[in-house]
C-alpha atoms as a PDB file:
ATOM      1  CA  MET A   1     102.390  63.622  73.084  1.00  0.00           C
ATOM      2  CA  LEU A   2     104.980  60.876  72.150  1.00  0.00           C
ATOM      3  CA  ILE A   3     103.664  59.325  69.633  1.00  0.00           C
ATOM      4  CA  ASP A   4     103.249  63.175  67.265  1.00  0.00           C
ATOM      5  CA  TYR A   5     107.074  62.656  66.476  1.00  0.00           C
ATOM      6  CA  PHE A   6     105.756  59.739  63.868  1.00  0.00           C
ATOM      7  CA  THR A   7     104.182  59.787  60.914  1.00  0.00           C
ATOM      8  CA  ASN A   8     101.171  57.043  60.795  1.00  0.00           C
ATOM      9  CA  ALA A   9     103.171  55.187  58.235  1.00  0.00           C
ATOM     10  CA  GLU A  10     105.751  54.265  60.896  1.00  0.00           C
ATOM     11  CA  ILE A  11     103.486  53.569  63.706  1.00  0.00           C
ATOM     12  CA  MET A  12     102.119  51.286  61.382  1.00  0.00           C
ATOM     13  CA  ARG A  13     105.186  49.413  59.873  1.00  0.00           C
ATOM     14  CA  LEU A  14     106.505  50.210  63.904  1.00  0.00           C
ATOM     15  CA  THR A  15     103.773  48.086  65.079  1.00  0.00           C
ATOM     16  CA  GLY A  16     102.136  46.343  63.127  1.00  0.00           C
ATOM     17  CA  ALA A  17      98.607  47.908  63.358  1.00  0.00           C
ATOM     18  CA  GLY A  18      96.720  48.233  60.873  1.00  0.00           C
ATOM     19  CA  ARG A  19      95.573  52.555  59.158  1.00  0.00           C
ATOM     20  CA  SER A  20      92.413  52.621  61.577  1.00  0.00           C
ATOM     21  CA  THR A  21      93.866  51.782  64.941  1.00  0.00           C
ATOM     22  CA  VAL A  22      96.789  54.771  63.940  1.00  0.00           C
ATOM     23  CA  TYR A  23      94.052  56.618  63.674  1.00  0.00           C
ATOM     24  CA  ARG A  24      91.772  55.394  67.008  1.00  0.00           C
ATOM     25  CA  TRP A  25      95.160  55.235  69.085  1.00  0.00           C
ATOM     26  CA  ARG A  26      96.164  59.697  68.121  1.00  0.00           C
ATOM     27  CA  GLN A  27      92.074  60.299  68.829  1.00  0.00           C
ATOM     28  CA  SER A  28      91.988  58.312  72.255  1.00  0.00           C
ATOM     29  CA  GLY A  29      95.351  57.152  73.276  1.00  0.00           C
ATOM     30  CA  ALA A  30      97.625  54.894  72.318  1.00  0.00           C
ATOM     31  CA  PRO A  31      97.704  51.630  75.203  1.00  0.00           C
ATOM     32  CA  GLN A  32     100.579  52.053  77.439  1.00  0.00           C
ATOM     33  CA  THR A  33     103.013  49.143  75.920  1.00  0.00           C
ATOM     34  CA  VAL A  34     102.688  51.525  72.500  1.00  0.00           C
ATOM     35  CA  LEU A  35     103.553  54.665  73.948  1.00  0.00           C
ATOM     36  CA  LYS A  36     106.743  52.621  75.842  1.00  0.00           C
ATOM     37  CA  LEU A  37     107.739  51.076  72.512  1.00  0.00           C
ATOM     38  CA  LEU A  38     107.527  54.669  70.741  1.00  0.00           C
ATOM     39  CA  GLU A  39     110.110  55.454  73.438  1.00  0.00           C
ATOM     40  CA  ILE A  40     112.560  52.830  73.079  1.00  0.00           C
ATOM     41  CA  ILE A  41     112.335  53.518  69.339  1.00  0.00           C
ATOM     42  CA  GLU A  42     112.986  57.027  69.707  1.00  0.00           C
ATOM     43  CA  GLY A  43     115.430  56.372  72.332  1.00  0.00           C
ATOM     44  CA  ARG A  44     114.284  58.757  75.192  1.00  0.00           C
ATOM     45  CA  ASP A  45     115.819  57.124  77.568  1.00  0.00           C
ATOM     46  CA  LEU A  46     117.283  53.562  77.414  1.00  0.00           C
ATOM     47  CA  GLY A  47     116.555  53.085  81.438  1.00  0.00           C
ATOM     48  CA  ILE A  48     112.852  51.844  79.644  1.00  0.00           C
ATOM     49  CA  ILE A  49     115.488  48.754  78.712  1.00  0.00           C
ATOM     50  CA  HIS A  50     117.520  48.552  82.088  1.00  0.00           C
ATOM     51  CA  PRO A  51     117.963  51.079  84.774  1.00  0.00           C
ATOM     52  CA  ASP A  52     121.208  51.315  84.863  1.00  0.00           C
ATOM     53  CA  TRP A  53     120.653  52.953  81.306  1.00  0.00           C
ATOM     54  CA  SER A  54     118.545  55.706  83.229  1.00  0.00           C
ATOM     55  CA  GLY A  55     119.031  58.969  81.588  1.00  0.00           C
ATOM     56  CA  TRP A  56     120.680  56.957  78.604  1.00  0.00           C
ATOM     57  CA  GLY A  57     119.575  56.999  74.916  1.00  0.00           C
ATOM     58  CA  ILE A  58     119.975  56.980  70.601  1.00  0.00           C
ATOM     59  CA  ASN A  59     119.663  59.552  68.350  1.00  0.00           C
ATOM     60  CA  PHE A  60     118.242  57.622  65.489  1.00  0.00           C
ATOM     61  CA  LYS A  61     119.020  60.718  62.953  1.00  0.00           C
ATOM     62  CA  THR A  62     122.856  60.389  63.902  1.00  0.00           C
ATOM     63  CA  GLY A  63     123.322  57.106  65.619  1.00  0.00           C
ATOM     64  CA  GLU A  64     124.772  58.393  68.407  1.00  0.00           C
ATOM     65  CA  LEU A  65     124.513  57.500  71.861  1.00  0.00           C
ATOM     66  CA  TYR A  66     124.068  60.572  74.371  1.00  0.00           C
ATOM     67  CA  THR A  67     124.674  60.222  78.029  1.00  0.00           C
ATOM     68  CA  PRO A  68     122.789  61.847  80.755  1.00  0.00           C
ATOM     69  CA  THR A  69     124.966  64.500  80.823  1.00  0.00           C
ATOM     70  CA  ASN A  70     124.287  65.256  76.661  1.00  0.00           C
ATOM     71  CA  ASP A  71     128.058  64.078  75.730  1.00  0.00           C
ATOM     72  CA  CYS A  72     127.721  62.164  72.535  1.00  0.00           C
ATOM     73  CA  PHE A  73     129.574  59.443  70.788  1.00  0.00           C
ATOM     74  CA  LEU A  74     129.572  57.525  67.552  1.00  0.00           C
ATOM     75  CA  THR A  75     129.462  53.777  67.725  1.00  0.00           C
ATOM     76  CA  TRP A  76     132.698  53.306  66.571  1.00  0.00           C
ATOM     77  CA  GLN A  77     133.469  55.501  69.258  1.00  0.00           C
ATOM     78  CA  ILE A  78     132.377  53.380  72.006  1.00  0.00           C
ATOM     79  CA  ILE A  79     133.949  50.118  69.877  1.00  0.00           C
ATOM     80  CA  SER A  80     136.903  51.715  70.335  1.00  0.00           C
ATOM     81  CA  LEU A  81     136.795  52.028  73.978  1.00  0.00           C
ATOM     82  CA  PRO A  82     138.850  48.306  74.556  1.00  0.00           C
ATOM     83  CA  TYR A  83     141.450  49.547  72.013  1.00  0.00           C
ATOM     84  CA  LEU A  84     142.048  52.870  73.855  1.00  0.00           C
ATOM     85  CA  HIS A  85     141.853  51.112  77.387  1.00  0.00           C
ATOM     86  CA  GLY A  86     144.522  48.947  76.303  1.00  0.00           C
ATOM     87  CA  ALA A  87     146.860  51.120  74.981  1.00  0.00           C
ATOM     88  CA  LEU A  88     146.298  53.808  77.957  1.00  0.00           C
ATOM     89  CA  ASN A  89     147.811  50.548  80.093  1.00  0.00           C
ATOM     90  CA  GLY A  90     150.583  49.353  77.628  1.00  0.00           C
ATOM     91  CA  TYR A  91     151.565  53.302  78.071  1.00  0.00           C
ATOM     92  CA  LYS A  92     151.726  53.802  82.081  1.00  0.00           C
ATOM     93  CA  GLN A  93     153.179  50.439  82.297  1.00  0.00           C
ATOM     94  CA  ARG A  94     156.428  51.345  79.563  1.00  0.00           C
ATOM     95  CA  GLU A  95     156.221  54.141  82.299  1.00  0.00           C
ATOM     96  CA  ARG A  96     156.304  53.237  85.587  1.00  0.00           C
ATOM     97  CA  LEU A  97     159.510  50.834  83.763  1.00  0.00           C
ATOM     98  CA  ALA A  98     161.453  53.677  82.998  1.00  0.00           C
ATOM     99  CA  VAL A  99     159.879  54.946  86.446  1.00  0.00           C
ATOM    100  CA  ASN A 100     162.023  51.957  88.259  1.00  0.00           C
ATOM    101  CA  ALA A 101     165.094  52.245  85.429  1.00  0.00           C
ATOM    102  CA  VAL A 102     166.099  55.307  86.698  1.00  0.00           C
ATOM    103  CA  ARG A 103     165.783  54.556  90.515  1.00  0.00           C
ATOM    104  CA  LEU A 104     167.885  50.881  89.528  1.00  0.00           C
ATOM    105  CA  ASN A 105     170.775  52.953  87.690  1.00  0.00           C
ATOM    106  CA  GLN A 106     170.968  56.023  90.896  1.00  0.00           C
ATOM    107  CA  PHE A 107     170.570  52.795  92.794  1.00  0.00           C
ATOM    108  CA  VAL A 108     173.171  51.223  91.337  1.00  0.00           C
ATOM    109  CA  ASN A 109     175.846  54.791  90.783  1.00  0.00           C
ATOM    110  CA  VAL A 110     175.761  54.982  95.023  1.00  0.00           C
ATOM    111  CA  ARG A 111     176.492  51.318  95.866  1.00  0.00           C
ATOM    112  CA  GLY A 112     179.044  52.067  93.375  1.00  0.00           C
ATOM    113  CA  GLN A 113     180.651  55.364  94.228  1.00  0.00           C
END
């Protein structure tokens, strides 16, 4: 059961519940709202927060975001994605310009003969 993954102290801290309430939850089951909160905190499936994130999760020990295919990303890797995307676009543009320069040079050489 999900509640077993947390210590009593963690549950008390996360939910604001008292010791006797946590004990009762362990004996007879915690309310669904508490279980959903613990599921979100555990990072099992972020689809709880929004359906588009179904299958994604967070490993709270390492801080990694993991995908439904179990690829893992650290925060710095995610933050760097827009910069990598921009660099890739710049590289593609440079390659297109180089190809166009070669074509233009060939055209000029043919016309000049």
